[in-house]
Amino acid sequence: MTNRYDLEPPQPKPLRVLAAITSAITIGIGGLPTFGVPLSAQQTGWMVGVFGALAAVAVAILGEQEVTPLSSPRDADGTPLVPARPADGTTD
């Protein structure tokens, strides 16, 4: 049996993608000493901390450009999005 959700295209998930990328880079930085890069635990911790903080800011900034805020929805041109009126002209 097919339901309507099987027929709709998947929704983009920009924040998940950005978070996955930055997480992978953070894991890579943390693993550098494992692969022979001469870093102390303190240096590795500092690098992971700094990149983690920068990654959080990047996800927020880039994510804001990809999502529609519910508090003030607007289209790409900045025009406010408003609910469509019913075809019969009635209002709620």
C-alpha atoms as a PDB file:
ATOM      1  CA  MET A   1       0.000   0.000   0.000  1.00  0.00           C
ATOM      2  CA  THR A   2       1.325   3.429  -0.928  1.00  0.00           C
ATOM      3  CA  ASN A   3       0.640   6.485   1.178  1.00  0.00           C
ATOM      4  CA  ARG A   4       0.990  10.113   0.169  1.00  0.00           C
ATOM      5  CA  TYR A   5       4.356  10.416   1.911  1.00  0.00           C
ATOM      6  CA  ASP A   6       5.880   7.888  -0.494  1.00  0.00           C
ATOM      7  CA  LEU A   7       4.955  10.099  -3.458  1.00  0.00           C
ATOM      8  CA  GLU A   8       6.367  13.392  -2.181  1.00  0.00           C
ATOM      9  CA  PRO A   9      10.006  14.259  -2.866  1.00  0.00           C
ATOM     10  CA  PRO A  10      12.244  14.309   0.212  1.00  0.00           C
ATOM     11  CA  GLN A  11      12.589  17.674   1.914  1.00  0.00           C
ATOM     12  CA  PRO A  12      16.056  19.268   1.958  1.00  0.00           C
ATOM     13  CA  LYS A  13      17.811  19.216   5.307  1.00  0.00           C
ATOM     14  CA  PRO A  14      20.411  22.022   5.092  1.00  0.00           C
ATOM     15  CA  LEU A  15      21.168  22.155   8.811  1.00  0.00           C
ATOM     16  CA  ARG A  16      21.755  18.409   9.004  1.00  0.00           C
ATOM     17  CA  VAL A  17      24.171  18.559   6.086  1.00  0.00           C
ATOM     18  CA  LEU A  18      26.130  21.478   7.568  1.00  0.00           C
ATOM     19  CA  ALA A  19      26.245  19.842  10.987  1.00  0.00           C
ATOM     20  CA  ALA A  20      27.414  16.538   9.478  1.00  0.00           C
ATOM     21  CA  ILE A  21      30.219  18.232   7.554  1.00  0.00           C
ATOM     22  CA  THR A  22      31.465  20.224  10.522  1.00  0.00           C
ATOM     23  CA  SER A  23      31.210  17.161  12.786  1.00  0.00           C
ATOM     24  CA  ALA A  24      33.272  15.100  10.356  1.00  0.00           C
ATOM     25  CA  ILE A  25      35.961  17.804  10.256  1.00  0.00           C
ATOM     26  CA  THR A  26      35.980  18.014  14.063  1.00  0.00           C
ATOM     27  CA  ILE A  27      36.398  14.248  14.316  1.00  0.00           C
ATOM     28  CA  GLY A  28      39.224  14.443  11.783  1.00  0.00           C
ATOM     29  CA  ILE A  29      41.020  17.111  13.800  1.00  0.00           C
ATOM     30  CA  GLY A  30      40.627  15.069  16.958  1.00  0.00           C
ATOM     31  CA  GLY A  31      42.112  12.035  15.218  1.00  0.00           C
ATOM     32  CA  LEU A  32      45.199  13.754  13.802  1.00  0.00           C
ATOM     33  CA  PRO A  33      47.549  12.440  16.529  1.00  0.00           C
ATOM     34  CA  THR A  34      46.336   8.904  15.818  1.00  0.00           C
ATOM     35  CA  PHE A  35      47.732   9.233  12.305  1.00  0.00           C
ATOM     36  CA  GLY A  36      51.121  10.494  13.400  1.00  0.00           C
ATOM     37  CA  VAL A  37      50.649  14.270  13.449  1.00  0.00           C
ATOM     38  CA  PRO A  38      52.790  15.465  16.367  1.00  0.00           C
ATOM     39  CA  LEU A  39      50.202  17.304  18.506  1.00  0.00           C
ATOM     40  CA  SER A  40      49.852  17.234  22.286  1.00  0.00           C
ATOM     41  CA  ALA A  41      46.523  16.502  23.915  1.00  0.00           C
ATOM     42  CA  GLN A  42      46.233  20.191  24.818  1.00  0.00           C
ATOM     43  CA  GLN A  43      46.875  21.310  21.241  1.00  0.00           C
ATOM     44  CA  THR A  44      44.380  18.837  19.870  1.00  0.00           C
ATOM     45  CA  GLY A  45      41.798  19.869  22.462  1.00  0.00           C
ATOM     46  CA  TRP A  46      42.312  23.533  21.660  1.00  0.00           C
ATOM     47  CA  MET A  47      41.945  22.921  17.918  1.00  0.00           C
ATOM     48  CA  VAL A  48      38.781  20.872  18.405  1.00  0.00           C
ATOM     49  CA  GLY A  49      37.338  23.529  20.725  1.00  0.00           C
ATOM     50  CA  VAL A  50      38.080  26.434  18.402  1.00  0.00           C
ATOM     51  CA  PHE A  51      36.822  24.632  15.322  1.00  0.00           C
ATOM     52  CA  GLY A  52      33.744  23.450  17.205  1.00  0.00           C
ATOM     53  CA  ALA A  53      32.882  27.020  18.182  1.00  0.00           C
ATOM     54  CA  LEU A  54      33.472  28.312  14.652  1.00  0.00           C
ATOM     55  CA  ALA A  55      31.447  25.436  13.224  1.00  0.00           C
ATOM     56  CA  ALA A  56      28.477  26.279  15.448  1.00  0.00           C
ATOM     57  CA  VAL A  57      28.533  29.877  14.233  1.00  0.00           C
ATOM     58  CA  ALA A  58      28.893  28.761  10.605  1.00  0.00           C
ATOM     59  CA  VAL A  59      25.941  26.374  10.900  1.00  0.00           C
ATOM     60  CA  ALA A  60      23.820  29.167  12.372  1.00  0.00           C
ATOM     61  CA  ILE A  61      24.794  31.762   9.752  1.00  0.00           C
ATOM     62  CA  LEU A  62      24.554  29.469   6.745  1.00  0.00           C
ATOM     63  CA  GLY A  63      21.464  27.754   8.111  1.00  0.00           C
ATOM     64  CA  GLU A  64      19.589  31.035   8.478  1.00  0.00           C
ATOM     65  CA  GLN A  65      19.957  31.555   4.738  1.00  0.00           C
ATOM     66  CA  GLU A  66      18.470  28.144   3.961  1.00  0.00           C
ATOM     67  CA  VAL A  67      15.385  28.003   6.172  1.00  0.00           C
ATOM     68  CA  THR A  68      12.176  29.997   6.436  1.00  0.00           C
ATOM     69  CA  PRO A  69      11.599  31.425   9.911  1.00  0.00           C
ATOM     70  CA  LEU A  70       8.120  30.727  11.267  1.00  0.00           C
ATOM     71  CA  SER A  71       7.998  34.052  13.102  1.00  0.00           C
ATOM     72  CA  SER A  72       8.312  36.141   9.904  1.00  0.00           C
ATOM     73  CA  PRO A  73       8.138  33.976   6.762  1.00  0.00           C
ATOM     74  CA  ARG A  74       9.296  35.690   3.546  1.00  0.00           C
ATOM     75  CA  ASP A  75      10.144  34.564   0.031  1.00  0.00           C
ATOM     76  CA  ALA A  76      13.564  34.979  -1.605  1.00  0.00           C
ATOM     77  CA  ASP A  77      12.709  38.573  -2.581  1.00  0.00           C
ATOM     78  CA  GLY A  78      11.733  39.542   0.981  1.00  0.00           C
ATOM     79  CA  THR A  79       7.975  39.595   0.314  1.00  0.00           C
ATOM     80  CA  PRO A  80       6.001  38.402   3.359  1.00  0.00           C
ATOM     81  CA  LEU A  81       4.304  35.048   2.887  1.00  0.00           C
ATOM     82  CA  VAL A  82       0.644  35.107   3.849  1.00  0.00           C
ATOM     83  CA  PRO A  83      -1.935  32.332   3.925  1.00  0.00           C
ATOM     84  CA  ALA A  84      -3.987  31.986   0.756  1.00  0.00           C
ATOM     85  CA  ARG A  85      -7.657  32.901   0.944  1.00  0.00           C
ATOM     86  CA  PRO A  86     -10.169  30.138   0.356  1.00  0.00           C
ATOM     87  CA  ALA A  87     -11.618  29.936  -3.158  1.00  0.00           C
ATOM     88  CA  ASP A  88     -15.088  30.849  -1.908  1.00  0.00           C
ATOM     89  CA  GLY A  89     -13.814  34.149  -0.478  1.00  0.00           C
ATOM     90  CA  THR A  90     -14.612  33.337   3.141  1.00  0.00           C
ATOM     91  CA  THR A  91     -12.216  34.124   5.954  1.00  0.00           C
ATOM     92  CA  ASP A  92     -11.448  32.232   9.127  1.00  0.00           C
END
